[in-house]
PDB file of N, CA and C in Angstrom:
ATOM      1  N   MET A   1       0.727  -1.039   0.022  1.00  0.00           N
ATOM      2  CA  MET A   1       0.114  -0.054  -0.074  1.00  0.00           C
ATOM      3  C   MET A   1       1.102   1.356   0.280  1.00  0.00           C
ATOM      4  N   ALA A   2       2.150   1.157   0.515  1.00  0.00           N
ATOM      5  CA  ALA A   2       2.905   2.272   0.583  1.00  0.00           C
ATOM      6  C   ALA A   2       3.078   2.925  -0.649  1.00  0.00           C
ATOM      7  N   HIS A   3       3.315   1.891  -1.636  1.00  0.00           N
ATOM      8  CA  HIS A   3       3.572   2.510  -2.985  1.00  0.00           C
ATOM      9  C   HIS A   3       2.544   3.122  -3.712  1.00  0.00           C
ATOM     10  N   LEU A   4       1.198   2.623  -3.461  1.00  0.00           N
ATOM     11  CA  LEU A   4       0.261   3.303  -3.997  1.00  0.00           C
ATOM     12  C   LEU A   4       0.237   4.633  -3.275  1.00  0.00           C
ATOM     13  N   VAL A   5       0.375   4.763  -1.943  1.00  0.00           N
ATOM     14  CA  VAL A   5       0.112   5.937  -1.367  1.00  0.00           C
ATOM     15  C   VAL A   5       1.204   7.018  -1.899  1.00  0.00           C
ATOM     16  N   ASN A   6       2.393   6.346  -2.070  1.00  0.00           N
ATOM     17  CA  ASN A   6       3.616   7.500  -2.172  1.00  0.00           C
ATOM     18  C   ASN A   6       3.924   7.792  -3.692  1.00  0.00           C
ATOM     19  N   HIS A   7       3.498   6.792  -4.700  1.00  0.00           N
ATOM     20  CA  HIS A   7       3.898   7.125  -5.950  1.00  0.00           C
ATOM     21  C   HIS A   7       2.724   7.263  -6.998  1.00  0.00           C
ATOM     22  N   GLU A   8       1.283   6.543  -6.401  1.00  0.00           N
ATOM     23  CA  GLU A   8       0.158   6.937  -7.202  1.00  0.00           C
ATOM     24  C   GLU A   8      -0.729   7.719  -6.781  1.00  0.00           C
ATOM     25  N   TRP A   9      -0.338   8.707  -5.736  1.00  0.00           N
ATOM     26  CA  TRP A   9      -1.091   9.543  -4.999  1.00  0.00           C
ATOM     27  C   TRP A   9      -2.641   9.186  -4.500  1.00  0.00           C
ATOM     28  N   LEU A  10      -2.523   8.111  -4.182  1.00  0.00           N
ATOM     29  CA  LEU A  10      -3.944   7.450  -3.461  1.00  0.00           C
ATOM     30  C   LEU A  10      -3.929   7.985  -2.267  1.00  0.00           C
ATOM     31  N   ARG A  11      -5.314   8.549  -1.733  1.00  0.00           N
ATOM     32  CA  ARG A  11      -5.621   9.144  -0.601  1.00  0.00           C
ATOM     33  C   ARG A  11      -6.900   8.624   0.183  1.00  0.00           C
ATOM     34  N   THR A  12      -7.605   7.851  -0.558  1.00  0.00           N
ATOM     35  CA  THR A  12      -9.058   7.405   0.145  1.00  0.00           C
ATOM     36  C   THR A  12      -9.012   5.876  -0.147  1.00  0.00           C
ATOM     37  N   ASN A  13      -9.959   5.309   0.761  1.00  0.00           N
ATOM     38  CA  ASN A  13     -10.310   3.812   0.723  1.00  0.00           C
ATOM     39  C   ASN A  13     -10.784   3.581  -0.671  1.00  0.00           C
ATOM     40  N   ALA A  14     -11.826   4.479  -1.116  1.00  0.00           N
ATOM     41  CA  ALA A  14     -12.450   4.223  -2.400  1.00  0.00           C
ATOM     42  C   ALA A  14     -11.227   4.068  -3.613  1.00  0.00           C
ATOM     43  N   ASP A  15     -10.366   5.195  -3.325  1.00  0.00           N
ATOM     44  CA  ASP A  15      -9.161   5.045  -4.673  1.00  0.00           C
ATOM     45  C   ASP A  15      -8.748   3.712  -4.304  1.00  0.00           C
ATOM     46  N   ILE A  16      -8.166   3.247  -3.457  1.00  0.00           N
ATOM     47  CA  ILE A  16      -7.333   2.046  -3.490  1.00  0.00           C
ATOM     48  C   ILE A  16      -8.266   0.570  -3.571  1.00  0.00           C
ATOM     49  N   LEU A  17      -9.589   0.660  -2.745  1.00  0.00           N
ATOM     50  CA  LEU A  17     -10.191  -0.446  -2.926  1.00  0.00           C
ATOM     51  C   LEU A  17     -11.007  -0.791  -4.222  1.00  0.00           C
ATOM     52  N   TRP A  18     -11.358   0.344  -4.702  1.00  0.00           N
ATOM     53  CA  TRP A  18     -12.465   0.299  -5.939  1.00  0.00           C
ATOM     54  C   TRP A  18     -11.814   0.783  -7.118  1.00  0.00           C
ATOM     55  N   ARG A  19     -11.253   2.019  -7.220  1.00  0.00           N
ATOM     56  CA  ARG A  19     -11.023   2.594  -8.479  1.00  0.00           C
ATOM     57  C   ARG A  19      -9.603   1.748  -9.079  1.00  0.00           C
ATOM     58  N   ARG A  20      -8.755   1.572  -8.155  1.00  0.00           N
ATOM     59  CA  ARG A  20      -7.445   0.965  -8.637  1.00  0.00           C
ATOM     60  C   ARG A  20      -7.096  -0.328  -8.625  1.00  0.00           C
ATOM     61  N   THR A  21      -7.870  -1.200  -7.568  1.00  0.00           N
ATOM     62  CA  THR A  21      -7.430  -2.540  -7.518  1.00  0.00           C
ATOM     63  C   THR A  21      -8.711  -3.408  -7.278  1.00  0.00           C
ATOM     64  N   LYS A  22      -9.769  -2.928  -7.113  1.00  0.00           N
ATOM     65  CA  LYS A  22     -10.933  -3.994  -6.742  1.00  0.00           C
ATOM     66  C   LYS A  22     -10.718  -4.616  -5.576  1.00  0.00           C
ATOM     67  N   LEU A  23      -9.751  -4.297  -4.704  1.00  0.00           N
ATOM     68  CA  LEU A  23      -9.822  -5.289  -3.484  1.00  0.00           C
ATOM     69  C   LEU A  23     -11.214  -5.097  -2.521  1.00  0.00           C
ATOM     70  N   GLY A  24     -11.916  -3.951  -2.766  1.00  0.00           N
ATOM     71  CA  GLY A  24     -13.164  -3.916  -1.996  1.00  0.00           C
ATOM     72  C   GLY A  24     -14.141  -5.144  -2.268  1.00  0.00           C
ATOM     73  N   LEU A  25     -13.797  -6.012  -3.231  1.00  0.00           N
ATOM     74  CA  LEU A  25     -14.608  -7.210  -3.456  1.00  0.00           C
ATOM     75  C   LEU A  25     -14.278  -8.149  -2.499  1.00  0.00           C
ATOM     76  N   ARG A  26     -13.017  -8.020  -1.696  1.00  0.00           N
ATOM     77  CA  ARG A  26     -12.455  -9.091  -0.721  1.00  0.00           C
ATOM     78  C   ARG A  26     -12.171  -8.726   0.524  1.00  0.00           C
ATOM     79  N   PHE A  27     -12.115  -7.190   0.785  1.00  0.00           N
ATOM     80  CA  PHE A  27     -11.899  -6.647   2.139  1.00  0.00           C
ATOM     81  C   PHE A  27     -12.830  -6.612   2.935  1.00  0.00           C
ATOM     82  N   THR A  28     -12.805  -7.135   4.080  1.00  0.00           N
ATOM     83  CA  THR A  28     -13.824  -7.162   5.368  1.00  0.00           C
ATOM     84  C   THR A  28     -14.064  -5.738   5.748  1.00  0.00           C
ATOM     85  N   GLU A  29     -14.711  -5.551   6.468  1.00  0.00           N
ATOM     86  CA  GLU A  29     -15.217  -4.257   7.262  1.00  0.00           C
ATOM     87  C   GLU A  29     -13.990  -4.047   8.190  1.00  0.00           C
ATOM     88  N   LYS A  30     -13.509  -4.707   8.719  1.00  0.00           N
ATOM     89  CA  LYS A  30     -12.229  -4.484   9.698  1.00  0.00           C
ATOM     90  C   LYS A  30     -11.085  -4.081   8.856  1.00  0.00           C
ATOM     91  N   GLN A  31     -10.987  -4.777   7.941  1.00  0.00           N
ATOM     92  CA  GLN A  31      -9.768  -4.530   6.992  1.00  0.00           C
ATOM     93  C   GLN A  31      -9.812  -3.070   6.345  1.00  0.00           C
ATOM     94  N   VAL A  32     -11.227  -2.605   5.942  1.00  0.00           N
ATOM     95  CA  VAL A  32     -11.277  -1.266   5.555  1.00  0.00           C
ATOM     96  C   VAL A  32     -11.064  -0.212   6.432  1.00  0.00           C
ATOM     97  N   ILE A  33     -11.609  -0.373   7.685  1.00  0.00           N
ATOM     98  CA  ILE A  33     -11.213   0.270   8.766  1.00  0.00           C
ATOM     99  C   ILE A  33      -9.695   0.539   8.864  1.00  0.00           C
ATOM    100  N   ALA A  34      -9.024  -0.577   9.012  1.00  0.00           N
ATOM    101  CA  ALA A  34      -7.703  -0.618   9.260  1.00  0.00           C
ATOM    102  C   ALA A  34      -7.024   0.152   8.028  1.00  0.00           C
ATOM    103  N   LEU A  35      -7.375  -0.119   6.946  1.00  0.00           N
ATOM    104  CA  LEU A  35      -6.763   0.848   5.654  1.00  0.00           C
ATOM    105  C   LEU A  35      -7.016   2.272   5.890  1.00  0.00           C
ATOM    106  N   GLY A  36      -8.037   2.491   6.301  1.00  0.00           N
ATOM    107  CA  GLY A  36      -8.538   3.950   6.534  1.00  0.00           C
ATOM    108  C   GLY A  36      -7.563   4.501   7.607  1.00  0.00           C
ATOM    109  N   GLN A  37      -7.338   3.939   8.406  1.00  0.00           N
ATOM    110  CA  GLN A  37      -6.425   4.265   9.656  1.00  0.00           C
ATOM    111  C   GLN A  37      -4.842   4.349   9.282  1.00  0.00           C
ATOM    112  N   TYR A  38      -4.655   3.649   8.582  1.00  0.00           N
ATOM    113  CA  TYR A  38      -3.177   3.769   7.653  1.00  0.00           C
ATOM    114  C   TYR A  38      -2.900   4.967   6.816  1.00  0.00           C
ATOM    115  N   LEU A  39      -4.089   5.090   6.381  1.00  0.00           N
ATOM    116  CA  LEU A  39      -4.049   6.352   5.114  1.00  0.00           C
ATOM    117  C   LEU A  39      -3.998   7.718   6.035  1.00  0.00           C
ATOM    118  N   THR A  40      -4.718   7.709   7.033  1.00  0.00           N
ATOM    119  CA  THR A  40      -4.378   8.898   7.956  1.00  0.00           C
ATOM    120  C   THR A  40      -3.282   9.097   8.455  1.00  0.00           C
ATOM    121  N   LYS A  41      -2.602   8.115   8.520  1.00  0.00           N
ATOM    122  CA  LYS A  41      -1.305   8.453   9.208  1.00  0.00           C
ATOM    123  C   LYS A  41      -0.286   8.704   8.254  1.00  0.00           C
ATOM    124  N   SER A  42      -0.553   8.330   7.004  1.00  0.00           N
ATOM    125  CA  SER A  42       0.233   8.709   5.979  1.00  0.00           C
ATOM    126  C   SER A  42       0.524   9.982   5.573  1.00  0.00           C
TER     127      SER A  42
END
């Protein structure tokens, strides 16, 4: 994920989970929350 944030300018869950990777199809609610927390720290 760090590469996406640092080099692809992704800043939101939607950018990562749906627009670029389609990981939203597989992530659990808990994982989505953890991703959001990671993004706010970056």
